[in-house]
Amino acid sequence: MVETFPFTRRAIEIGSRTYIVDVVDDQDALLAASGDRVIFPFGLMLWESAVGLGEELASRTPPIAGKTVLELGAGLGLSGVVAAALGAHVTQTDHDLSALAACIKTASLNNIPAIRCVPGDWHAWRDMSHYDLIIGADIAYDTDDHEALFVLFQRNLAPGGTILLADPGRENQALLLKRAEAHGWRVHRTQRPVADLKPARPGAAIAVTIMELTQARPAMAQGSFSNVRR
């Protein structure tokens, strides 16, 4: 079955720039277009966390220009495109090939060249490169993924690097941060009000939590994460 998703073009202001993104606004229409997929393509919708993460990247001091950035669960790729527009060297990953195609389109719509897009399953992760910054918007909602994420963080974060995650306050956010501290990470939280992207709620705002993780002590041995599927 050929998937034809109901995209709508939207303009999103982040920092001093307006970004163009083709998004799916109607979740029911997305479901109808998804056929017999086992995994629902939620990444083709634009979430407030991606905007909040983009705003965080645009306001970082010092700026992220020249940094290597790994985006996890990229979805439409807005946050990674913002990072690239700011001068970072970006690799975008998602387990859904339709999301990676959307990332490429988002980069093209915004005249952003040279973003690397590759498939990425956190439970069968193959990338051994080190990155100055690892980012992800709305990626911590499933607790089954948390241990795999921390293994990935240990493998891929460069010494002195930073992890930035954005979340709209889902109930599993607290569990993620508790595990982060147990695994030896410093955690700093801030909140950003982001305009609700749902067309039915003009003027409303979502409080997006930005979680900044840095290593507080030497990383544990990889084998200490017993729950990770290989």
N, C-alpha and C. Protein backbone atom coordinates (compact mmCIF):
# COMPACT_ATOMS: atom_id res chain seq x y z
N MET A 1 0.85 -1.21 0.00
CA MET A 1 0.00 0.00 0.00
C MET A 1 0.88 1.25 0.00
N VAL A 2 0.58 2.18 -0.89
CA VAL A 2 1.32 3.44 -0.94
C VAL A 2 0.67 4.41 0.04
N GLU A 3 1.48 4.96 0.93
CA GLU A 3 0.98 5.87 1.94
C GLU A 3 0.94 7.30 1.38
N THR A 4 -0.22 7.93 1.49
CA THR A 4 -0.36 9.32 1.09
C THR A 4 -0.88 10.08 2.30
N PHE A 5 -0.01 10.81 2.95
CA PHE A 5 -0.38 11.47 4.20
C PHE A 5 -0.91 12.88 3.92
N PRO A 6 -1.88 13.33 4.72
CA PRO A 6 -2.52 14.64 4.50
C PRO A 6 -1.72 15.79 5.10
N PHE A 7 -0.68 16.22 4.40
CA PHE A 7 0.19 17.27 4.92
C PHE A 7 -0.40 18.66 4.71
N THR A 8 -0.10 19.54 5.67
CA THR A 8 -0.44 20.96 5.59
C THR A 8 0.83 21.76 5.82
N ARG A 9 1.07 22.80 5.05
CA ARG A 9 2.28 23.61 5.21
C ARG A 9 2.07 24.65 6.29
N ARG A 10 3.03 24.71 7.23
CA ARG A 10 2.92 25.67 8.33
C ARG A 10 4.22 26.43 8.48
N ALA A 11 4.10 27.65 8.99
CA ALA A 11 5.25 28.50 9.27
C ALA A 11 5.41 28.60 10.78
N ILE A 12 6.63 28.30 11.25
CA ILE A 12 6.92 28.28 12.69
C ILE A 12 8.06 29.26 12.96
N GLU A 13 7.82 30.22 13.84
CA GLU A 13 8.85 31.19 14.17
C GLU A 13 9.68 30.68 15.35
N ILE A 14 10.99 30.59 15.14
CA ILE A 14 11.92 30.17 16.19
C ILE A 14 13.13 31.10 16.11
N GLY A 15 13.43 31.76 17.23
CA GLY A 15 14.52 32.72 17.21
C GLY A 15 14.21 33.84 16.25
N SER A 16 15.16 34.15 15.40
CA SER A 16 14.97 35.25 14.45
C SER A 16 14.56 34.76 13.06
N ARG A 17 14.15 33.50 12.97
CA ARG A 17 13.89 32.92 11.66
C ARG A 17 12.52 32.23 11.64
N THR A 18 11.89 32.24 10.48
CA THR A 18 10.65 31.50 10.25
C THR A 18 10.97 30.22 9.49
N TYR A 19 10.54 29.09 10.04
CA TYR A 19 10.78 27.78 9.43
C TYR A 19 9.50 27.26 8.79
N ILE A 20 9.64 26.64 7.64
CA ILE A 20 8.51 26.06 6.91
C ILE A 20 8.53 24.55 7.12
N VAL A 21 7.38 23.99 7.51
CA VAL A 21 7.29 22.56 7.78
C VAL A 21 5.97 22.04 7.22
N ASP A 22 6.03 20.91 6.53
CA ASP A 22 4.81 20.21 6.11
C ASP A 22 4.44 19.23 7.21
N VAL A 23 3.26 19.41 7.79
CA VAL A 23 2.85 18.64 8.96
C VAL A 23 1.50 17.97 8.70
N VAL A 24 1.22 16.96 9.49
CA VAL A 24 -0.12 16.37 9.52
C VAL A 24 -0.82 16.92 10.75
N ASP A 25 -1.89 17.68 10.56
CA ASP A 25 -2.63 18.27 11.68
C ASP A 25 -3.73 17.36 12.20
N ASP A 26 -4.26 16.53 11.32
CA ASP A 26 -5.44 15.71 11.65
C ASP A 26 -5.01 14.29 11.99
N GLN A 27 -5.07 13.95 13.27
CA GLN A 27 -4.63 12.63 13.71
C GLN A 27 -5.51 11.53 13.13
N ASP A 28 -6.81 11.78 13.02
CA ASP A 28 -7.71 10.77 12.45
C ASP A 28 -7.39 10.51 10.98
N ALA A 29 -7.08 11.58 10.25
CA ALA A 29 -6.71 11.42 8.85
C ALA A 29 -5.38 10.68 8.71
N LEU A 30 -4.47 10.94 9.65
CA LEU A 30 -3.19 10.22 9.65
C LEU A 30 -3.43 8.74 9.89
N LEU A 31 -4.31 8.42 10.81
CA LEU A 31 -4.63 7.03 11.10
C LEU A 31 -5.22 6.35 9.86
N ALA A 32 -6.13 7.05 9.17
CA ALA A 32 -6.75 6.47 7.99
C ALA A 32 -5.73 6.22 6.88
N ALA A 33 -4.72 7.08 6.80
CA ALA A 33 -3.70 6.96 5.74
C ALA A 33 -2.60 5.96 6.09
N SER A 34 -2.61 5.47 7.34
CA SER A 34 -1.51 4.62 7.80
C SER A 34 -1.71 3.14 7.52
N GLY A 35 -2.90 2.78 7.00
CA GLY A 35 -3.13 1.40 6.62
C GLY A 35 -2.96 0.43 7.76
N ASP A 36 -2.21 -0.64 7.50
CA ASP A 36 -2.03 -1.69 8.50
C ASP A 36 -0.69 -1.58 9.21
N ARG A 37 -0.16 -0.39 9.32
CA ARG A 37 1.10 -0.18 10.02
C ARG A 37 1.02 -0.70 11.45
N VAL A 38 2.12 -1.32 11.91
CA VAL A 38 2.20 -1.75 13.31
C VAL A 38 2.53 -0.55 14.19
N ILE A 39 3.40 0.32 13.71
CA ILE A 39 3.81 1.52 14.45
C ILE A 39 3.14 2.73 13.83
N PHE A 40 2.38 3.45 14.65
CA PHE A 40 1.67 4.62 14.15
C PHE A 40 2.66 5.77 13.93
N PRO A 41 2.59 6.45 12.79
CA PRO A 41 3.59 7.49 12.47
C PRO A 41 3.30 8.83 13.15
N PHE A 42 3.33 8.83 14.49
CA PHE A 42 3.09 10.08 15.22
C PHE A 42 4.11 11.15 14.86
N GLY A 43 5.30 10.73 14.41
CA GLY A 43 6.35 11.69 14.10
C GLY A 43 6.01 12.61 12.95
N LEU A 44 4.98 12.30 12.18
CA LEU A 44 4.59 13.17 11.07
C LEU A 44 3.71 14.33 11.52
N MET A 45 3.35 14.31 12.80
CA MET A 45 2.66 15.46 13.38
C MET A 45 3.70 16.35 14.04
N LEU A 46 3.40 17.64 14.12
CA LEU A 46 4.33 18.57 14.77
C LEU A 46 3.89 18.75 16.22
N TRP A 47 4.83 18.54 17.15
CA TRP A 47 4.54 18.60 18.56
C TRP A 47 5.20 19.84 19.17
N GLU A 48 4.57 20.36 20.20
CA GLU A 48 5.08 21.55 20.86
C GLU A 48 6.50 21.35 21.39
N SER A 49 6.83 20.12 21.77
CA SER A 49 8.18 19.85 22.29
C SER A 49 9.26 20.15 21.25
N ALA A 50 8.97 19.86 19.98
CA ALA A 50 9.95 20.13 18.92
C ALA A 50 10.19 21.62 18.79
N VAL A 51 9.13 22.42 18.90
CA VAL A 51 9.27 23.87 18.83
C VAL A 51 10.05 24.37 20.05
N GLY A 52 9.69 23.88 21.23
CA GLY A 52 10.40 24.28 22.44
C GLY A 52 11.87 23.94 22.40
N LEU A 53 12.19 22.75 21.86
CA LEU A 53 13.59 22.35 21.74
C LEU A 53 14.31 23.25 20.74
N GLY A 54 13.66 23.57 19.64
CA GLY A 54 14.26 24.48 18.67
C GLY A 54 14.54 25.84 19.28
N GLU A 55 13.60 26.34 20.10
CA GLU A 55 13.81 27.63 20.76
C GLU A 55 14.97 27.55 21.74
N GLU A 56 15.10 26.44 22.43
CA GLU A 56 16.23 26.25 23.35
C GLU A 56 17.55 26.27 22.59
N LEU A 57 17.61 25.59 21.48
CA LEU A 57 18.83 25.56 20.67
C LEU A 57 19.19 26.95 20.17
N ALA A 58 18.18 27.71 19.77
CA ALA A 58 18.43 29.05 19.24
C ALA A 58 18.91 30.02 20.30
N SER A 59 18.64 29.71 21.57
CA SER A 59 18.99 30.64 22.64
C SER A 59 20.22 30.20 23.44
N ARG A 60 20.87 29.11 23.01
CA ARG A 60 21.99 28.58 23.79
C ARG A 60 23.16 29.55 23.82
N THR A 61 23.80 29.63 24.98
CA THR A 61 25.03 30.40 25.14
C THR A 61 26.08 29.51 25.80
N PRO A 62 27.22 29.28 25.13
CA PRO A 62 27.58 29.80 23.80
C PRO A 62 26.74 29.15 22.70
N PRO A 63 26.70 29.77 21.51
CA PRO A 63 25.92 29.20 20.40
C PRO A 63 26.43 27.82 20.01
N ILE A 64 25.59 27.06 19.31
CA ILE A 64 25.94 25.68 18.96
C ILE A 64 26.64 25.57 17.61
N ALA A 65 26.96 26.68 16.98
CA ALA A 65 27.66 26.65 15.69
C ALA A 65 28.94 25.82 15.80
N GLY A 66 29.13 24.93 14.83
CA GLY A 66 30.32 24.09 14.81
C GLY A 66 30.22 22.82 15.62
N LYS A 67 29.16 22.67 16.43
CA LYS A 67 28.98 21.48 17.24
C LYS A 67 28.45 20.32 16.39
N THR A 68 28.76 19.10 16.81
CA THR A 68 28.15 17.92 16.19
C THR A 68 26.91 17.57 16.99
N VAL A 69 25.80 17.33 16.29
CA VAL A 69 24.50 17.12 16.93
C VAL A 69 23.88 15.83 16.42
N LEU A 70 23.38 15.02 17.34
CA LEU A 70 22.62 13.81 17.00
C LEU A 70 21.18 14.03 17.44
N GLU A 71 20.26 13.97 16.49
CA GLU A 71 18.84 14.09 16.83
C GLU A 71 18.20 12.71 16.84
N LEU A 72 17.55 12.37 17.95
CA LEU A 72 16.89 11.08 18.12
C LEU A 72 15.39 11.24 17.91
N GLY A 73 14.77 10.26 17.25
CA GLY A 73 13.34 10.33 17.03
C GLY A 73 12.95 11.62 16.34
N ALA A 74 13.60 11.90 15.22
CA ALA A 74 13.53 13.23 14.62
C ALA A 74 12.14 13.63 14.14
N GLY A 75 11.30 12.66 13.76
CA GLY A 75 9.98 13.01 13.25
C GLY A 75 10.08 13.89 12.02
N LEU A 76 9.49 15.06 12.06
CA LEU A 76 9.56 16.00 10.93
C LEU A 76 10.91 16.68 10.82
N GLY A 77 11.73 16.56 11.86
CA GLY A 77 13.10 17.08 11.78
C GLY A 77 13.26 18.54 12.08
N LEU A 78 12.24 19.19 12.67
CA LEU A 78 12.33 20.63 12.88
C LEU A 78 13.50 21.01 13.79
N SER A 79 13.67 20.31 14.91
CA SER A 79 14.73 20.68 15.85
C SER A 79 16.10 20.55 15.21
N GLY A 80 16.31 19.46 14.47
CA GLY A 80 17.60 19.28 13.81
C GLY A 80 17.86 20.31 12.73
N VAL A 81 16.81 20.70 12.03
CA VAL A 81 16.95 21.74 11.00
C VAL A 81 17.31 23.07 11.64
N VAL A 82 16.69 23.36 12.79
CA VAL A 82 17.07 24.58 13.52
C VAL A 82 18.55 24.53 13.89
N ALA A 83 19.00 23.37 14.41
CA ALA A 83 20.41 23.23 14.79
C ALA A 83 21.33 23.46 13.59
N ALA A 84 20.96 22.89 12.44
CA ALA A 84 21.77 23.06 11.24
C ALA A 84 21.78 24.52 10.78
N ALA A 85 20.62 25.18 10.88
CA ALA A 85 20.55 26.60 10.49
C ALA A 85 21.43 27.45 11.38
N LEU A 86 21.67 26.98 12.60
CA LEU A 86 22.52 27.70 13.54
C LEU A 86 24.01 27.36 13.37
N GLY A 87 24.31 26.51 12.39
CA GLY A 87 25.69 26.21 12.08
C GLY A 87 26.22 24.91 12.65
N ALA A 88 25.35 24.06 13.21
CA ALA A 88 25.79 22.77 13.73
C ALA A 88 25.87 21.73 12.62
N HIS A 89 26.62 20.66 12.88
CA HIS A 89 26.74 19.53 11.96
C HIS A 89 25.80 18.44 12.48
N VAL A 90 24.70 18.19 11.76
CA VAL A 90 23.58 17.43 12.31
C VAL A 90 23.43 16.07 11.64
N THR A 91 23.19 15.06 12.49
CA THR A 91 22.74 13.74 12.05
C THR A 91 21.36 13.51 12.62
N GLN A 92 20.39 13.24 11.75
CA GLN A 92 19.02 12.99 12.20
C GLN A 92 18.71 11.50 12.07
N THR A 93 18.04 10.95 13.09
CA THR A 93 17.70 9.54 13.08
C THR A 93 16.24 9.33 13.46
N ASP A 94 15.64 8.29 12.92
CA ASP A 94 14.30 7.86 13.29
C ASP A 94 14.15 6.42 12.82
N HIS A 95 13.31 5.65 13.52
CA HIS A 95 13.09 4.26 13.10
C HIS A 95 12.09 4.18 11.96
N ASP A 96 11.39 5.27 11.69
CA ASP A 96 10.34 5.31 10.67
C ASP A 96 10.89 5.98 9.40
N LEU A 97 10.92 5.24 8.31
CA LEU A 97 11.48 5.79 7.07
C LEU A 97 10.66 6.95 6.52
N SER A 98 9.34 6.95 6.79
CA SER A 98 8.53 8.09 6.33
C SER A 98 8.90 9.35 7.09
N ALA A 99 9.31 9.20 8.35
CA ALA A 99 9.78 10.37 9.11
C ALA A 99 11.10 10.89 8.55
N LEU A 100 11.99 9.98 8.18
CA LEU A 100 13.27 10.43 7.60
C LEU A 100 13.04 11.16 6.28
N ALA A 101 12.08 10.68 5.49
CA ALA A 101 11.74 11.39 4.25
C ALA A 101 11.21 12.79 4.57
N ALA A 102 10.43 12.89 5.66
CA ALA A 102 9.92 14.20 6.08
C ALA A 102 11.06 15.11 6.54
N CYS A 103 12.05 14.54 7.22
CA CYS A 103 13.22 15.33 7.64
C CYS A 103 13.93 15.94 6.44
N ILE A 104 14.13 15.13 5.42
CA ILE A 104 14.80 15.60 4.21
C ILE A 104 13.99 16.73 3.57
N LYS A 105 12.67 16.57 3.58
CA LYS A 105 11.81 17.60 2.99
C LYS A 105 11.87 18.89 3.80
N THR A 106 11.86 18.76 5.14
CA THR A 106 11.93 19.96 5.98
C THR A 106 13.23 20.72 5.74
N ALA A 107 14.33 20.00 5.62
CA ALA A 107 15.61 20.64 5.33
C ALA A 107 15.56 21.36 3.98
N SER A 108 14.97 20.71 2.98
CA SER A 108 14.88 21.29 1.65
C SER A 108 14.00 22.55 1.65
N LEU A 109 12.87 22.49 2.35
CA LEU A 109 11.96 23.64 2.39
C LEU A 109 12.62 24.87 3.01
N ASN A 110 13.62 24.61 3.87
CA ASN A 110 14.29 25.71 4.57
C ASN A 110 15.70 25.98 4.05
N ASN A 111 16.01 25.41 2.88
CA ASN A 111 17.30 25.63 2.22
C ASN A 111 18.48 25.30 3.14
N ILE A 112 18.35 24.18 3.86
CA ILE A 112 19.40 23.71 4.75
C ILE A 112 20.07 22.51 4.11
N PRO A 113 21.34 22.62 3.71
CA PRO A 113 22.03 21.50 3.08
C PRO A 113 22.75 20.63 4.11
N ALA A 114 23.16 19.48 3.66
CA ALA A 114 24.15 18.66 4.37
C ALA A 114 23.72 18.16 5.73
N ILE A 115 22.43 17.84 5.92
CA ILE A 115 22.02 17.11 7.11
C ILE A 115 22.05 15.62 6.77
N ARG A 116 22.68 14.85 7.62
CA ARG A 116 22.76 13.41 7.42
C ARG A 116 21.54 12.76 8.08
N CYS A 117 20.79 11.95 7.32
CA CYS A 117 19.60 11.28 7.83
C CYS A 117 19.80 9.77 7.73
N VAL A 118 19.68 9.06 8.85
CA VAL A 118 19.91 7.62 8.85
C VAL A 118 18.86 6.94 9.74
N PRO A 119 18.45 5.70 9.39
CA PRO A 119 17.52 4.96 10.25
C PRO A 119 18.19 4.67 11.59
N GLY A 120 17.39 4.66 12.66
CA GLY A 120 17.97 4.39 13.97
C GLY A 120 16.98 3.74 14.91
N ASP A 121 17.26 2.50 15.31
CA ASP A 121 16.47 1.77 16.31
C ASP A 121 17.29 1.75 17.59
N TRP A 122 16.78 2.37 18.67
CA TRP A 122 17.55 2.49 19.90
C TRP A 122 17.90 1.13 20.50
N HIS A 123 17.10 0.11 20.22
CA HIS A 123 17.34 -1.21 20.79
C HIS A 123 18.28 -2.05 19.93
N ALA A 124 18.67 -1.54 18.79
CA ALA A 124 19.65 -2.21 17.92
C ALA A 124 20.55 -1.14 17.32
N TRP A 125 21.13 -0.34 18.18
CA TRP A 125 21.84 0.87 17.78
C TRP A 125 23.23 0.51 17.25
N ARG A 126 23.63 1.09 16.13
CA ARG A 126 24.90 0.75 15.50
C ARG A 126 25.89 1.92 15.42
N ASP A 127 25.42 3.12 15.59
CA ASP A 127 26.27 4.30 15.46
C ASP A 127 27.19 4.40 16.69
N MET A 128 28.49 4.42 16.46
CA MET A 128 29.46 4.53 17.55
C MET A 128 30.15 5.88 17.57
N SER A 129 29.66 6.83 16.77
CA SER A 129 30.28 8.15 16.72
C SER A 129 29.98 8.93 18.00
N HIS A 130 30.81 9.92 18.28
CA HIS A 130 30.61 10.79 19.43
C HIS A 130 30.07 12.14 18.96
N TYR A 131 29.13 12.69 19.74
CA TYR A 131 28.49 13.95 19.39
C TYR A 131 28.58 14.92 20.56
N ASP A 132 28.76 16.19 20.25
CA ASP A 132 28.81 17.22 21.29
C ASP A 132 27.45 17.41 21.96
N LEU A 133 26.39 17.18 21.18
CA LEU A 133 25.04 17.44 21.65
C LEU A 133 24.11 16.36 21.12
N ILE A 134 23.34 15.75 22.02
CA ILE A 134 22.30 14.79 21.63
C ILE A 134 20.96 15.41 22.00
N ILE A 135 20.04 15.45 21.03
CA ILE A 135 18.76 16.12 21.26
C ILE A 135 17.60 15.18 20.93
N GLY A 136 16.47 15.43 21.58
CA GLY A 136 15.27 14.66 21.28
C GLY A 136 14.04 15.35 21.83
N ALA A 137 12.98 15.40 21.04
CA ALA A 137 11.71 16.01 21.46
C ALA A 137 10.65 14.93 21.56
N ASP A 138 10.05 14.82 22.74
CA ASP A 138 8.96 13.85 22.95
C ASP A 138 9.42 12.42 22.67
N ILE A 139 10.57 12.03 23.20
CA ILE A 139 11.07 10.68 22.93
C ILE A 139 11.05 9.79 24.17
N ALA A 140 10.61 10.31 25.32
CA ALA A 140 10.73 9.55 26.57
C ALA A 140 9.40 9.03 27.10
N TYR A 141 8.37 9.01 26.24
CA TYR A 141 7.04 8.65 26.73
C TYR A 141 6.89 7.16 27.03
N ASP A 142 7.74 6.30 26.46
CA ASP A 142 7.65 4.85 26.67
C ASP A 142 8.78 4.39 27.59
N THR A 143 8.45 3.90 28.78
CA THR A 143 9.49 3.50 29.74
C THR A 143 10.31 2.33 29.23
N ASP A 144 9.77 1.55 28.29
CA ASP A 144 10.53 0.43 27.73
C ASP A 144 11.76 0.91 26.96
N ASP A 145 11.78 2.19 26.59
CA ASP A 145 12.90 2.74 25.83
C ASP A 145 13.96 3.38 26.71
N HIS A 146 13.68 3.62 27.98
CA HIS A 146 14.56 4.44 28.79
C HIS A 146 15.95 3.85 28.95
N GLU A 147 16.06 2.56 29.25
CA GLU A 147 17.39 1.96 29.44
C GLU A 147 18.19 1.99 28.14
N ALA A 148 17.51 1.70 27.03
CA ALA A 148 18.21 1.74 25.74
C ALA A 148 18.73 3.14 25.44
N LEU A 149 17.95 4.15 25.81
CA LEU A 149 18.40 5.52 25.60
C LEU A 149 19.65 5.83 26.41
N PHE A 150 19.69 5.38 27.66
CA PHE A 150 20.87 5.69 28.49
C PHE A 150 22.12 4.96 28.00
N VAL A 151 21.96 3.77 27.46
CA VAL A 151 23.10 3.09 26.84
C VAL A 151 23.60 3.90 25.65
N LEU A 152 22.67 4.37 24.84
CA LEU A 152 23.02 5.20 23.69
C LEU A 152 23.72 6.48 24.13
N PHE A 153 23.19 7.12 25.19
CA PHE A 153 23.82 8.35 25.67
C PHE A 153 25.28 8.09 26.04
N GLN A 154 25.53 7.01 26.75
CA GLN A 154 26.90 6.68 27.16
C GLN A 154 27.80 6.44 25.96
N ARG A 155 27.28 5.74 24.97
CA ARG A 155 28.10 5.40 23.81
C ARG A 155 28.41 6.60 22.94
N ASN A 156 27.44 7.51 22.80
CA ASN A 156 27.53 8.51 21.74
C ASN A 156 27.81 9.93 22.18
N LEU A 157 27.68 10.22 23.48
CA LEU A 157 27.95 11.58 23.91
C LEU A 157 29.45 11.79 24.08
N ALA A 158 29.96 12.83 23.45
CA ALA A 158 31.38 13.15 23.57
C ALA A 158 31.68 13.64 24.98
N PRO A 159 32.93 13.46 25.44
CA PRO A 159 33.30 13.99 26.76
C PRO A 159 32.97 15.48 26.87
N GLY A 160 32.31 15.85 27.96
CA GLY A 160 31.91 17.23 28.14
C GLY A 160 30.67 17.63 27.37
N GLY A 161 30.03 16.65 26.72
CA GLY A 161 28.86 16.95 25.91
C GLY A 161 27.59 17.11 26.73
N THR A 162 26.52 17.43 26.03
CA THR A 162 25.24 17.74 26.67
C THR A 162 24.11 17.02 25.94
N ILE A 163 23.14 16.58 26.72
CA ILE A 163 21.91 16.01 26.18
C ILE A 163 20.78 16.99 26.46
N LEU A 164 19.99 17.30 25.45
CA LEU A 164 18.83 18.18 25.61
C LEU A 164 17.58 17.43 25.16
N LEU A 165 16.65 17.24 26.09
CA LEU A 165 15.39 16.56 25.79
C LEU A 165 14.25 17.52 26.10
N ALA A 166 13.21 17.47 25.28
CA ALA A 166 12.03 18.30 25.50
C ALA A 166 10.82 17.41 25.66
N ASP A 167 9.96 17.76 26.62
CA ASP A 167 8.80 16.92 26.93
C ASP A 167 7.67 17.83 27.42
N PRO A 168 6.42 17.52 27.05
CA PRO A 168 5.31 18.38 27.45
C PRO A 168 4.73 18.04 28.82
N GLY A 169 5.49 17.31 29.64
CA GLY A 169 5.01 16.99 30.98
C GLY A 169 4.29 15.66 31.07
N ARG A 170 4.67 14.73 30.21
CA ARG A 170 4.07 13.40 30.29
C ARG A 170 4.45 12.73 31.61
N GLU A 171 3.65 11.77 32.05
CA GLU A 171 3.84 11.18 33.37
C GLU A 171 5.16 10.43 33.49
N ASN A 172 5.72 9.94 32.39
CA ASN A 172 6.97 9.18 32.46
C ASN A 172 8.21 10.07 32.48
N GLN A 173 8.02 11.38 32.37
CA GLN A 173 9.15 12.30 32.43
C GLN A 173 9.91 12.16 33.76
N ALA A 174 9.17 12.08 34.86
CA ALA A 174 9.80 11.95 36.17
C ALA A 174 10.59 10.65 36.29
N LEU A 175 10.08 9.58 35.70
CA LEU A 175 10.79 8.30 35.75
C LEU A 175 12.10 8.38 34.96
N LEU A 176 12.07 9.07 33.83
CA LEU A 176 13.29 9.24 33.03
C LEU A 176 14.35 9.99 33.83
N LEU A 177 13.94 11.08 34.49
CA LEU A 177 14.91 11.87 35.24
C LEU A 177 15.43 11.11 36.45
N LYS A 178 14.60 10.32 37.08
CA LYS A 178 15.05 9.50 38.20
C LYS A 178 16.10 8.51 37.74
N ARG A 179 15.88 7.89 36.60
CA ARG A 179 16.87 6.95 36.06
C ARG A 179 18.15 7.69 35.66
N ALA A 180 17.99 8.88 35.11
CA ALA A 180 19.17 9.65 34.72
C ALA A 180 20.07 9.89 35.92
N GLU A 181 19.49 10.34 37.02
CA GLU A 181 20.28 10.60 38.21
C GLU A 181 20.89 9.31 38.77
N ALA A 182 20.15 8.19 38.69
CA ALA A 182 20.67 6.91 39.16
C ALA A 182 21.84 6.44 38.31
N HIS A 183 21.85 6.82 37.04
CA HIS A 183 22.93 6.42 36.13
C HIS A 183 24.07 7.43 36.09
N GLY A 184 24.05 8.41 36.99
CA GLY A 184 25.17 9.31 37.13
C GLY A 184 25.12 10.54 36.26
N TRP A 185 23.93 11.05 36.00
CA TRP A 185 23.79 12.26 35.19
C TRP A 185 23.31 13.41 36.06
N ARG A 186 23.86 14.58 35.81
CA ARG A 186 23.30 15.80 36.39
C ARG A 186 22.11 16.21 35.55
N VAL A 187 21.06 16.65 36.20
CA VAL A 187 19.84 17.03 35.49
C VAL A 187 19.46 18.46 35.84
N HIS A 188 19.23 19.26 34.81
CA HIS A 188 18.75 20.63 35.02
C HIS A 188 17.49 20.81 34.20
N ARG A 189 16.43 21.32 34.82
CA ARG A 189 15.15 21.48 34.14
C ARG A 189 14.74 22.95 34.05
N THR A 190 14.23 23.31 32.91
CA THR A 190 13.61 24.62 32.74
C THR A 190 12.32 24.41 31.96
N GLN A 191 11.46 25.41 31.95
CA GLN A 191 10.22 25.31 31.19
C GLN A 191 10.10 26.45 30.20
N ARG A 192 9.55 26.12 29.05
CA ARG A 192 9.28 27.11 28.02
C ARG A 192 7.81 27.05 27.64
N PRO A 193 7.11 28.18 27.67
CA PRO A 193 5.73 28.19 27.17
C PRO A 193 5.75 28.20 25.64
N VAL A 194 5.06 27.25 25.05
CA VAL A 194 5.01 27.14 23.58
C VAL A 194 3.55 27.19 23.15
N ALA A 195 3.26 27.97 22.14
CA ALA A 195 1.89 28.09 21.64
C ALA A 195 1.37 26.72 21.25
N ASP A 196 0.15 26.40 21.70
CA ASP A 196 -0.49 25.14 21.36
C ASP A 196 -0.65 25.06 19.84
N LEU A 197 -0.19 23.96 19.26
CA LEU A 197 -0.22 23.83 17.80
C LEU A 197 -1.54 23.30 17.28
N LYS A 198 -2.44 22.92 18.15
CA LYS A 198 -3.73 22.39 17.70
C LYS A 198 -4.57 23.55 17.16
N PRO A 199 -5.05 23.41 15.93
CA PRO A 199 -5.83 24.52 15.33
C PRO A 199 -7.05 24.91 16.15
N ALA A 200 -7.58 23.98 16.94
CA ALA A 200 -8.79 24.26 17.71
C ALA A 200 -8.53 25.05 18.98
N ARG A 201 -7.23 25.29 19.31
CA ARG A 201 -6.92 25.99 20.56
C ARG A 201 -6.03 27.21 20.32
N PRO A 202 -6.49 28.16 19.52
CA PRO A 202 -5.67 29.35 19.27
C PRO A 202 -5.44 30.14 20.54
N GLY A 203 -4.20 30.55 20.75
CA GLY A 203 -3.86 31.36 21.91
C GLY A 203 -3.49 30.59 23.14
N ALA A 204 -3.77 29.29 23.17
CA ALA A 204 -3.40 28.47 24.33
C ALA A 204 -1.90 28.20 24.30
N ALA A 205 -1.35 27.81 25.46
CA ALA A 205 0.08 27.53 25.55
C ALA A 205 0.31 26.20 26.26
N ILE A 206 1.38 25.53 25.87
CA ILE A 206 1.81 24.28 26.48
C ILE A 206 3.13 24.54 27.20
N ALA A 207 3.25 24.09 28.44
CA ALA A 207 4.52 24.22 29.17
C ALA A 207 5.42 23.05 28.80
N VAL A 208 6.43 23.34 28.02
CA VAL A 208 7.38 22.32 27.58
C VAL A 208 8.59 22.32 28.52
N THR A 209 8.90 21.17 29.08
CA THR A 209 10.07 21.03 29.95
C THR A 209 11.30 20.73 29.12
N ILE A 210 12.35 21.52 29.30
CA ILE A 210 13.65 21.26 28.68
C ILE A 210 14.53 20.60 29.74
N MET A 211 14.98 19.40 29.46
CA MET A 211 15.83 18.65 30.39
C MET A 211 17.25 18.61 29.85
N GLU A 212 18.18 19.17 30.59
CA GLU A 212 19.59 19.19 30.21
C GLU A 212 20.34 18.17 31.06
N LEU A 213 20.95 17.19 30.42
CA LEU A 213 21.67 16.13 31.12
C LEU A 213 23.15 16.25 30.81
N THR A 214 23.98 16.23 31.84
CA THR A 214 25.43 16.17 31.69
C THR A 214 25.95 15.11 32.64
N GLN A 215 27.11 14.55 32.34
CA GLN A 215 27.64 13.47 33.16
C GLN A 215 28.18 14.01 34.48
N ALA A 216 27.71 13.40 35.57
CA ALA A 216 28.15 13.81 36.90
C ALA A 216 29.32 12.99 37.39
N ARG A 217 29.49 11.79 36.82
CA ARG A 217 30.60 10.94 37.22
C ARG A 217 30.93 10.04 36.04
N PRO A 218 32.07 9.35 36.06
CA PRO A 218 32.43 8.49 34.93
C PRO A 218 31.32 7.50 34.61
N ALA A 219 31.10 7.28 33.31
CA ALA A 219 30.03 6.40 32.86
C ALA A 219 30.21 4.99 33.40
N MET A 220 29.09 4.34 33.72
CA MET A 220 29.12 2.96 34.15
C MET A 220 29.47 2.06 32.99
N ALA A 221 29.87 0.86 33.30
CA ALA A 221 30.15 -0.10 32.25
C ALA A 221 28.89 -0.40 31.48
N GLN A 222 29.00 -0.60 30.20
CA GLN A 222 27.86 -0.85 29.36
C GLN A 222 27.04 -2.04 29.83
N GLY A 223 27.71 -3.04 30.36
CA GLY A 223 27.01 -4.26 30.77
C GLY A 223 26.14 -4.08 31.98
N SER A 224 26.19 -2.92 32.64
CA SER A 224 25.38 -2.71 33.84
C SER A 224 23.91 -2.44 33.52
N PHE A 225 23.57 -2.24 32.24
CA PHE A 225 22.20 -1.99 31.88
C PHE A 225 21.59 -3.32 31.41
N SER A 226 21.10 -4.09 32.37
CA SER A 226 20.68 -5.44 32.09
C SER A 226 19.39 -5.54 31.29
N ASN A 227 18.60 -4.45 31.26
CA ASN A 227 17.29 -4.54 30.63
C ASN A 227 17.31 -4.21 29.14
N VAL A 228 18.47 -3.84 28.59
CA VAL A 228 18.52 -3.43 27.20
C VAL A 228 18.51 -4.62 26.27
N ARG A 229 17.61 -4.59 25.27
CA ARG A 229 17.54 -5.66 24.29
C ARG A 229 18.64 -5.47 23.25
N ARG A 230 19.32 -6.52 22.91
CA ARG A 230 20.40 -6.47 21.92
C ARG A 230 19.90 -6.93 20.56
